[in-house]
């Protein structure tokens, strides 16, 4: 299993995410990072620090404070992964030197694997019980399965209907099965989401975007 790039210990995570956000502000033009992404990260970092610091003193630490800290970290982790996966590691502008600046691992060379050159054809269906089925097929072949050299794909979402732009899409996850069932909590009932996808190779490089598909959770 691949080791996560996000540190597990709170102190290490605190240092890592501060550096991540500072470097993101430094390299925002290089990676075309929207201002809203940075603003949300800074707000999330403030919420995390506000919740984290009171838990450092055992004399004042309470279960309620710990619960607030865990919730703040989870929320900021979502924003951090969105930044890393959406704007950094899959960008053609990324170099090993910049990875070091961001404290991101340098992948082993796999120079024989090409960048995905085609967009997947995406279908998303509601199958009830707060579940959807995501199906990807190859273009231009129009068959299920991944193109040669592709190891998986990314899913991104936007609340509501298209169009999907860099400033309004959110990273949803990486997947390998081209027919994937995804479950939601019951409080997502009635939520309308627009999905887009792109192929991903073992080097972390991505291809063109798929067609957008809007589905209602039921």
Protein backbone atom coordinates (compact mmCIF):
# COMPACT_ATOMS: atom_id res chain seq x y z
CA UNK A 1 0.00 0.00 0.00
CA UNK A 2 1.28 3.47 -0.89
CA UNK A 3 2.23 5.58 2.10
CA UNK A 4 0.03 8.63 2.49
CA UNK A 5 1.75 11.95 1.91
CA UNK A 6 -0.23 13.52 4.78
CA UNK A 7 1.52 13.00 8.15
CA UNK A 8 -0.44 11.02 10.73
CA UNK A 9 0.81 12.75 13.91
CA UNK A 10 -0.88 16.06 14.71
CA UNK A 11 2.37 17.94 15.30
CA UNK A 12 3.86 16.73 12.00
CA UNK A 13 0.57 17.48 10.22
CA UNK A 14 0.50 20.99 11.71
CA UNK A 15 3.97 21.77 10.36
CA UNK A 16 3.26 20.10 7.00
CA UNK A 17 -0.02 21.89 6.29
CA UNK A 18 1.42 25.29 7.25
CA UNK A 19 4.22 24.75 4.74
CA UNK A 20 1.78 23.46 2.11
CA UNK A 21 -0.37 26.58 2.27
CA UNK A 22 2.59 28.96 2.37
CA UNK A 23 4.13 27.30 -0.70
CA UNK A 24 0.76 27.27 -2.47
CA UNK A 25 0.60 31.04 -2.08
CA UNK A 26 4.16 31.31 -3.37
CA UNK A 27 3.48 29.12 -6.43
CA UNK A 28 -0.14 30.15 -7.11
CA UNK A 29 0.71 31.63 -10.52
CA UNK A 30 2.80 28.62 -11.55
CA UNK A 31 -0.07 26.19 -10.91
CA UNK A 32 -3.00 28.54 -11.63
CA UNK A 33 -4.44 28.02 -8.15
CA UNK A 34 -7.73 29.95 -7.78
CA UNK A 35 -7.85 32.58 -5.04
CA UNK A 36 -10.88 30.89 -3.47
CA UNK A 37 -8.90 27.67 -3.00
CA UNK A 38 -6.22 29.60 -1.11
CA UNK A 39 -8.77 31.57 0.92
CA UNK A 40 -10.54 28.37 1.98
CA UNK A 41 -7.22 26.80 2.97
CA UNK A 42 -6.21 29.78 5.10
CA UNK A 43 -9.60 29.76 6.82
CA UNK A 44 -9.31 26.02 7.38
CA UNK A 45 -5.83 26.43 8.81
CA UNK A 46 -7.11 29.06 11.26
CA UNK A 47 -9.96 26.77 12.33
CA UNK A 48 -7.50 23.90 12.78
CA UNK A 49 -5.08 25.98 14.88
CA UNK A 50 -7.92 27.34 17.00
CA UNK A 51 -9.08 23.79 17.74
CA UNK A 52 -5.64 22.18 18.02
CA UNK A 53 -3.83 24.47 20.46
CA UNK A 54 -6.24 23.98 23.42
CA UNK A 55 -5.67 20.21 23.24
CA UNK A 56 -1.91 20.47 23.83
CA UNK A 57 -2.25 21.02 27.58
CA UNK A 58 -3.38 17.82 29.36
CA UNK A 59 -4.71 19.91 32.24
CA UNK A 60 -7.30 21.63 30.05
CA UNK A 61 -7.86 18.98 27.37
CA UNK A 62 -11.39 17.58 27.33
CA UNK A 63 -13.16 15.05 25.07
CA UNK A 64 -15.18 17.89 23.55
CA UNK A 65 -12.01 19.80 22.64
CA UNK A 66 -10.44 16.67 21.14
CA UNK A 67 -13.58 16.05 19.08
CA UNK A 68 -13.46 19.62 17.75
CA UNK A 69 -9.78 19.19 16.86
CA UNK A 70 -10.46 15.95 14.94
CA UNK A 71 -13.31 17.59 13.01
CA UNK A 72 -11.17 20.62 12.11
CA UNK A 73 -8.34 18.40 10.90
CA UNK A 74 -10.65 16.29 8.74
CA UNK A 75 -12.09 19.41 7.12
CA UNK A 76 -8.64 20.84 6.40
CA UNK A 77 -7.37 17.50 5.07
CA UNK A 78 -10.11 17.56 2.43
CA UNK A 79 -8.97 21.01 1.30
CA UNK A 80 -5.30 19.96 1.35
CA UNK A 81 -5.95 16.86 -0.79
CA UNK A 82 -7.99 18.95 -3.20
CA UNK A 83 -5.01 21.27 -3.62
CA UNK A 84 -2.40 18.52 -3.96
CA UNK A 85 -4.41 16.29 -6.32
CA UNK A 86 -6.17 19.03 -8.24
CA UNK A 87 -3.44 21.59 -8.83
CA UNK A 88 0.00 20.27 -7.90
CA UNK A 89 1.13 16.68 -8.44
CA UNK A 90 -0.63 16.17 -11.79
CA UNK A 91 0.45 19.50 -13.28
CA UNK A 92 2.98 19.62 -16.11
CA UNK A 93 4.66 22.43 -14.17
CA UNK A 94 5.56 20.15 -11.24
CA UNK A 95 9.26 19.32 -10.83
CA UNK A 96 11.22 17.31 -8.28
CA UNK A 97 12.59 20.55 -6.83
CA UNK A 98 9.09 21.94 -6.29
CA UNK A 99 7.98 18.65 -4.73
CA UNK A 100 10.75 19.08 -2.16
CA UNK A 101 9.51 22.62 -1.44
CA UNK A 102 6.01 21.26 -0.80
CA UNK A 103 7.35 18.28 1.20
CA UNK A 104 5.79 15.85 -1.29
CA UNK A 105 7.45 12.56 -2.20
CA UNK A 106 9.33 12.27 -5.48
CA UNK A 107 7.90 9.32 -7.47
CA UNK A 108 10.12 6.65 -8.92
CA UNK A 109 10.82 7.16 -12.60
CA UNK A 110 8.50 5.30 -14.95
CA UNK A 111 9.54 7.01 -18.16
CA UNK A 112 8.02 4.36 -20.46
CA UNK A 113 4.46 5.20 -19.35
CA UNK A 114 2.88 7.93 -21.52
CA UNK A 115 0.53 10.62 -20.28
CA UNK A 116 -3.12 9.65 -20.97
CA UNK A 117 -4.05 11.13 -24.33
CA UNK A 118 -7.81 10.58 -24.49
CA UNK A 119 -10.79 11.57 -22.38
CA UNK A 120 -13.01 8.90 -20.83
CA UNK A 121 -16.69 8.68 -21.63
CA UNK A 122 -18.50 9.06 -18.31
CA UNK A 123 -21.90 7.75 -17.22
CA UNK A 124 -23.34 8.16 -13.71
CA UNK A 125 -26.64 6.61 -12.60
CA UNK A 126 -28.60 6.79 -9.35
CA UNK A 127 -29.34 3.22 -8.19
CA UNK A 128 -31.27 4.10 -5.02
CA UNK A 129 -30.47 3.66 -1.34
CA UNK A 130 -28.24 6.77 -1.57
CA UNK A 131 -25.92 5.04 -4.04
CA UNK A 132 -24.73 5.89 -7.53
CA UNK A 133 -22.96 3.81 -10.17
CA UNK A 134 -20.10 5.39 -12.09
CA UNK A 135 -19.15 3.82 -15.44
CA UNK A 136 -16.19 4.85 -17.58
CA UNK A 137 -15.44 3.70 -21.10
CA UNK A 138 -12.55 4.41 -23.43
CA UNK A 139 -12.72 6.81 -26.32
CA UNK A 140 -12.67 6.36 -29.26
CA UNK A 141 -13.08 2.61 -28.66
CA UNK A 142 -16.28 3.11 -26.63
CA UNK A 143 -15.59 0.00 -24.54
CA UNK A 144 -15.38 -0.52 -20.81
CA UNK A 145 -11.89 -0.77 -19.40
CA UNK A 146 -8.91 1.52 -19.19
CA UNK A 147 -6.68 2.55 -22.12
CA UNK A 148 -3.15 1.19 -22.30
CA UNK A 149 -0.88 2.72 -19.65
CA UNK A 150 -3.78 3.98 -17.52
CA UNK A 151 -3.93 2.78 -13.90
CA UNK A 152 -7.10 4.54 -12.76
CA UNK A 153 -8.99 7.79 -12.88
CA UNK A 154 -9.94 10.85 -10.88
CA UNK A 155 -13.50 11.91 -10.11
CA UNK A 156 -14.33 15.54 -9.46
CA UNK A 157 -17.67 17.10 -8.55
CA UNK A 158 -19.51 20.38 -8.66
CA UNK A 159 -22.66 21.15 -6.67
CA UNK A 160 -25.61 21.53 -9.02
CA UNK A 161 -25.55 21.70 -12.82
CA UNK A 162 -22.72 22.37 -15.31
CA UNK A 163 -20.59 24.11 -16.37
CA UNK A 164 -17.62 22.83 -14.36
CA UNK A 165 -14.69 25.23 -13.96
CA UNK A 166 -11.42 25.01 -11.98
CA UNK A 167 -12.78 27.40 -9.36
CA UNK A 168 -15.95 25.42 -8.63
CA UNK A 169 -14.94 21.77 -8.95
CA UNK A 170 -13.94 19.65 -5.96
CA UNK A 171 -11.72 16.59 -5.87
CA UNK A 172 -13.88 13.53 -5.07
CA UNK A 173 -11.39 10.65 -5.21
CA UNK A 174 -9.11 8.32 -7.17
CA UNK A 175 -10.54 5.01 -8.40
CA UNK A 176 -9.36 2.02 -10.43
CA UNK A 177 -12.57 0.12 -11.28
CA UNK A 178 -14.28 1.52 -14.37
CA UNK A 179 -17.61 0.37 -12.93
CA UNK A 180 -17.77 1.78 -9.41
CA UNK A 181 -20.63 1.97 -6.88
CA UNK A 182 -20.35 4.92 -4.48
CA UNK A 183 -22.43 5.26 -1.31
CA UNK A 184 -23.57 8.48 0.37
CA UNK A 185 -25.00 9.21 3.81
CA UNK A 186 -28.76 9.64 4.05
CA UNK A 187 -28.39 13.38 4.63
CA UNK A 188 -27.23 13.65 0.98
CA UNK A 189 -30.73 12.76 -0.24
CA UNK A 190 -31.85 15.19 -2.92
CA UNK A 191 -28.34 16.54 -3.48
CA UNK A 192 -27.57 17.28 -7.14
CA UNK A 193 -23.95 16.74 -8.21
CA UNK A 194 -22.19 17.12 -11.54
CA UNK A 195 -19.32 14.66 -12.07
CA UNK A 196 -16.33 14.86 -14.40
CA UNK A 197 -13.46 12.37 -14.71
CA UNK A 198 -10.01 12.05 -16.24
CA UNK A 199 -7.67 9.11 -16.72
CA UNK A 200 -4.64 8.73 -14.43
CA UNK A 201 -1.41 6.82 -15.07
CA UNK A 202 1.02 5.27 -12.59
CA UNK A 203 3.23 8.38 -12.75
CA UNK A 204 0.37 10.51 -11.48
CA UNK A 205 -0.19 12.20 -14.84
CA UNK A 206 -3.72 12.97 -15.96
CA UNK A 207 -5.45 13.20 -19.33
CA UNK A 208 -8.25 15.36 -20.77
CA UNK A 209 -11.56 15.85 -18.97
CA UNK A 210 -14.61 13.71 -19.68
CA UNK A 211 -18.10 14.91 -20.44
CA UNK A 212 -19.95 16.27 -17.37
CA UNK A 213 -22.80 14.18 -15.91
CA UNK A 214 -25.34 15.46 -13.37
CA UNK A 215 -27.10 13.07 -11.00
CA UNK A 216 -29.45 13.45 -8.02
CA UNK A 217 -28.78 11.36 -4.91
CA UNK A 218 -31.84 9.35 -3.86
